[in-house]
Amino acid sequence: MVEVAKTLLEFILVFLLIYVIYYLFYYRKIKKFDRKKAPVNVKYMIYRYNLDVVKIGYKRVFKVLMLCDSFIIAFIFTITKMVDNIYLRFLIIFLLIFPVFVFVYHVVANYYLKKEEQ
């Protein structure tokens, strides 16, 4: 039970650390939507899912994607922390990172697409 609590606390700390870093270095600097200066994750949502970021709100979408990115990084860190071999850990991270990003972004895009229809 103590190990589960330690793992959960570690997940929360990594999540908060990544979120604060994103907030300080990226979120505070954005002004208004510009296709050329938009981050890669927002561009991915626009091109892959044809999401209208201006209609939803650029800062709102960016904030949700910051939360998603923080969750993904904390989740993958927590999953792979039990692997001691660094090369094997990198291999597992490499194999997990893209499917997890695609899945989480797909869920977020479907949420916003349903919200656009209403």
C-alpha atoms as a PDB file:
ATOM      1  CA  MET A   1       0.000   0.000   0.000  1.00  0.00           C
ATOM      2  CA  VAL A   2       2.882   2.324   0.739  1.00  0.00           C
ATOM      3  CA  GLU A   3       4.362   1.661  -2.712  1.00  0.00           C
ATOM      4  CA  VAL A   4       1.067   2.599  -4.368  1.00  0.00           C
ATOM      5  CA  ALA A   5       0.952   5.846  -2.387  1.00  0.00           C
ATOM      6  CA  LYS A   6       4.559   6.644  -3.325  1.00  0.00           C
ATOM      7  CA  THR A   7       3.853   5.961  -6.987  1.00  0.00           C
ATOM      8  CA  LEU A   8       0.722   8.099  -6.935  1.00  0.00           C
ATOM      9  CA  LEU A   9       2.563  10.933  -5.199  1.00  0.00           C
ATOM     10  CA  GLU A  10       5.377  10.683  -7.724  1.00  0.00           C
ATOM     11  CA  PHE A  11       2.848  10.820 -10.583  1.00  0.00           C
ATOM     12  CA  ILE A  12       1.214  13.922  -9.106  1.00  0.00           C
ATOM     13  CA  LEU A  13       4.551  15.660  -8.546  1.00  0.00           C
ATOM     14  CA  VAL A  14       5.761  14.975 -12.094  1.00  0.00           C
ATOM     15  CA  PHE A  15       2.390  16.078 -13.484  1.00  0.00           C
ATOM     16  CA  LEU A  16       2.459  19.350 -11.541  1.00  0.00           C
ATOM     17  CA  LEU A  17       6.100  20.030 -12.402  1.00  0.00           C
ATOM     18  CA  ILE A  18       5.526  19.561 -16.121  1.00  0.00           C
ATOM     19  CA  TYR A  19       2.324  21.630 -16.019  1.00  0.00           C
ATOM     20  CA  VAL A  20       4.014  24.521 -14.200  1.00  0.00           C
ATOM     21  CA  ILE A  21       6.901  24.481 -16.686  1.00  0.00           C
ATOM     22  CA  TYR A  22       4.454  24.543 -19.607  1.00  0.00           C
ATOM     23  CA  TYR A  23       2.514  27.357 -17.966  1.00  0.00           C
ATOM     24  CA  LEU A  24       5.545  29.518 -17.228  1.00  0.00           C
ATOM     25  CA  PHE A  25       7.336  29.101 -20.534  1.00  0.00           C
ATOM     26  CA  TYR A  26       4.532  28.705 -23.066  1.00  0.00           C
ATOM     27  CA  TYR A  27       1.041  29.665 -21.876  1.00  0.00           C
ATOM     28  CA  ARG A  28       1.960  33.100 -20.579  1.00  0.00           C
ATOM     29  CA  LYS A  29       3.566  34.021 -23.901  1.00  0.00           C
ATOM     30  CA  ILE A  30       0.646  33.288 -26.236  1.00  0.00           C
ATOM     31  CA  LYS A  31      -1.363  36.242 -27.453  1.00  0.00           C
ATOM     32  CA  LYS A  32      -3.866  35.456 -30.176  1.00  0.00           C
ATOM     33  CA  PHE A  33      -4.108  32.651 -32.698  1.00  0.00           C
ATOM     34  CA  ASP A  34      -1.673  32.676 -35.601  1.00  0.00           C
ATOM     35  CA  ARG A  35      -1.416  29.576 -37.803  1.00  0.00           C
ATOM     36  CA  LYS A  36       2.277  30.080 -38.448  1.00  0.00           C
ATOM     37  CA  LYS A  37       3.256  30.579 -34.804  1.00  0.00           C
ATOM     38  CA  ALA A  38       0.930  27.977 -33.281  1.00  0.00           C
ATOM     39  CA  PRO A  39       2.536  25.102 -31.363  1.00  0.00           C
ATOM     40  CA  VAL A  40       2.814  21.714 -33.017  1.00  0.00           C
ATOM     41  CA  ASN A  41       0.119  20.102 -30.869  1.00  0.00           C
ATOM     42  CA  VAL A  42      -2.417  22.775 -31.844  1.00  0.00           C
ATOM     43  CA  LYS A  43      -1.448  22.465 -35.512  1.00  0.00           C
ATOM     44  CA  TYR A  44      -1.914  18.702 -35.253  1.00  0.00           C
ATOM     45  CA  MET A  45      -5.431  19.183 -33.887  1.00  0.00           C
ATOM     46  CA  ILE A  46      -6.272  21.616 -36.684  1.00  0.00           C
ATOM     47  CA  TYR A  47      -4.942  19.558 -39.582  1.00  0.00           C
ATOM     48  CA  ARG A  48      -5.811  16.062 -38.373  1.00  0.00           C
ATOM     49  CA  TYR A  49      -9.285  16.732 -36.957  1.00  0.00           C
ATOM     50  CA  ASN A  50     -10.214  19.955 -38.787  1.00  0.00           C
ATOM     51  CA  LEU A  51     -10.814  21.661 -35.456  1.00  0.00           C
ATOM     52  CA  ASP A  52     -11.848  25.319 -35.444  1.00  0.00           C
ATOM     53  CA  VAL A  53      -9.538  26.675 -32.764  1.00  0.00           C
ATOM     54  CA  VAL A  54     -10.727  30.257 -33.136  1.00  0.00           C
ATOM     55  CA  LYS A  55     -14.360  29.281 -32.539  1.00  0.00           C
ATOM     56  CA  ILE A  56     -13.532  27.181 -29.459  1.00  0.00           C
ATOM     57  CA  GLY A  57     -10.945  29.553 -28.078  1.00  0.00           C
ATOM     58  CA  TYR A  58      -7.228  29.274 -28.698  1.00  0.00           C
ATOM     59  CA  LYS A  59      -6.167  29.696 -25.081  1.00  0.00           C
ATOM     60  CA  ARG A  60      -8.744  27.175 -23.921  1.00  0.00           C
ATOM     61  CA  VAL A  61      -7.552  24.538 -26.386  1.00  0.00           C
ATOM     62  CA  PHE A  62      -3.942  25.261 -25.535  1.00  0.00           C
ATOM     63  CA  LYS A  63      -4.637  24.906 -21.805  1.00  0.00           C
ATOM     64  CA  VAL A  64      -6.366  21.547 -22.319  1.00  0.00           C
ATOM     65  CA  LEU A  65      -3.471  20.331 -24.448  1.00  0.00           C
ATOM     66  CA  MET A  66      -1.043  21.455 -21.747  1.00  0.00           C
ATOM     67  CA  LEU A  67      -2.947  19.302 -19.272  1.00  0.00           C
ATOM     68  CA  CYS A  68      -2.930  16.374 -21.702  1.00  0.00           C
ATOM     69  CA  ASP A  69       0.795  16.671 -22.370  1.00  0.00           C
ATOM     70  CA  SER A  70       1.532  16.847 -18.661  1.00  0.00           C
ATOM     71  CA  PHE A  71      -0.627  13.797 -18.038  1.00  0.00           C
ATOM     72  CA  ILE A  72       1.037  11.823 -20.827  1.00  0.00           C
ATOM     73  CA  ILE A  73       4.551  12.596 -19.647  1.00  0.00           C
ATOM     74  CA  ALA A  74       3.717  11.797 -16.027  1.00  0.00           C
ATOM     75  CA  PHE A  75       1.913   8.603 -17.048  1.00  0.00           C
ATOM     76  CA  ILE A  76       4.780   7.312 -19.177  1.00  0.00           C
ATOM     77  CA  PHE A  77       7.309   8.255 -16.499  1.00  0.00           C
ATOM     78  CA  THR A  78       5.315   6.355 -13.889  1.00  0.00           C
ATOM     79  CA  ILE A  79       4.866   3.310 -16.128  1.00  0.00           C
ATOM     80  CA  THR A  80       8.547   3.072 -17.037  1.00  0.00           C
ATOM     81  CA  LYS A  81      10.111   3.886 -13.669  1.00  0.00           C
ATOM     82  CA  MET A  82      10.153   0.219 -12.667  1.00  0.00           C
ATOM     83  CA  VAL A  83      12.534  -0.627 -15.540  1.00  0.00           C
ATOM     84  CA  ASP A  84      16.136  -0.435 -14.375  1.00  0.00           C
ATOM     85  CA  ASN A  85      17.922  -0.816 -17.704  1.00  0.00           C
ATOM     86  CA  ILE A  86      18.118   2.637 -19.268  1.00  0.00           C
ATOM     87  CA  TYR A  87      18.202   1.359 -22.865  1.00  0.00           C
ATOM     88  CA  LEU A  88      15.168  -0.825 -22.318  1.00  0.00           C
ATOM     89  CA  ARG A  89      13.417   2.094 -20.624  1.00  0.00           C
ATOM     90  CA  PHE A  90      14.070   4.342 -23.634  1.00  0.00           C
ATOM     91  CA  LEU A  91      12.789   1.639 -25.953  1.00  0.00           C
ATOM     92  CA  ILE A  92       9.582   1.284 -23.933  1.00  0.00           C
ATOM     93  CA  ILE A  93       9.131   5.058 -23.844  1.00  0.00           C
ATOM     94  CA  PHE A  94       9.664   5.258 -27.600  1.00  0.00           C
ATOM     95  CA  LEU A  95       7.103   2.523 -28.211  1.00  0.00           C
ATOM     96  CA  LEU A  96       4.524   4.042 -25.844  1.00  0.00           C
ATOM     97  CA  ILE A  97       4.808   7.755 -26.513  1.00  0.00           C
ATOM     98  CA  PHE A  98       3.221   7.954 -29.969  1.00  0.00           C
ATOM     99  CA  PRO A  99       0.199   5.703 -29.389  1.00  0.00           C
ATOM    100  CA  VAL A 100      -0.568   7.428 -26.076  1.00  0.00           C
ATOM    101  CA  PHE A 101      -0.326  10.882 -27.661  1.00  0.00           C
ATOM    102  CA  VAL A 102      -2.556   9.838 -30.550  1.00  0.00           C
ATOM    103  CA  PHE A 103      -5.139   8.274 -28.227  1.00  0.00           C
ATOM    104  CA  VAL A 104      -5.325  11.226 -25.829  1.00  0.00           C
ATOM    105  CA  TYR A 105      -5.431  13.797 -28.633  1.00  0.00           C
ATOM    106  CA  HIS A 106      -8.131  11.769 -30.362  1.00  0.00           C
ATOM    107  CA  VAL A 107     -10.271  11.837 -27.211  1.00  0.00           C
ATOM    108  CA  VAL A 108      -9.782  15.602 -26.823  1.00  0.00           C
ATOM    109  CA  ALA A 109     -10.537  16.245 -30.498  1.00  0.00           C
ATOM    110  CA  ASN A 110     -13.728  14.177 -30.370  1.00  0.00           C
ATOM    111  CA  TYR A 111     -14.824  16.117 -27.293  1.00  0.00           C
ATOM    112  CA  TYR A 112     -14.303  19.454 -29.044  1.00  0.00           C
ATOM    113  CA  LEU A 113     -15.895  18.244 -32.292  1.00  0.00           C
ATOM    114  CA  LYS A 114     -19.036  17.186 -30.411  1.00  0.00           C
ATOM    115  CA  LYS A 115     -19.033  20.509 -28.617  1.00  0.00           C
ATOM    116  CA  GLU A 116     -18.767  22.368 -31.951  1.00  0.00           C
ATOM    117  CA  GLU A 117     -21.854  20.578 -33.283  1.00  0.00           C
ATOM    118  CA  GLN A 118     -24.037  21.803 -30.432  1.00  0.00           C
END
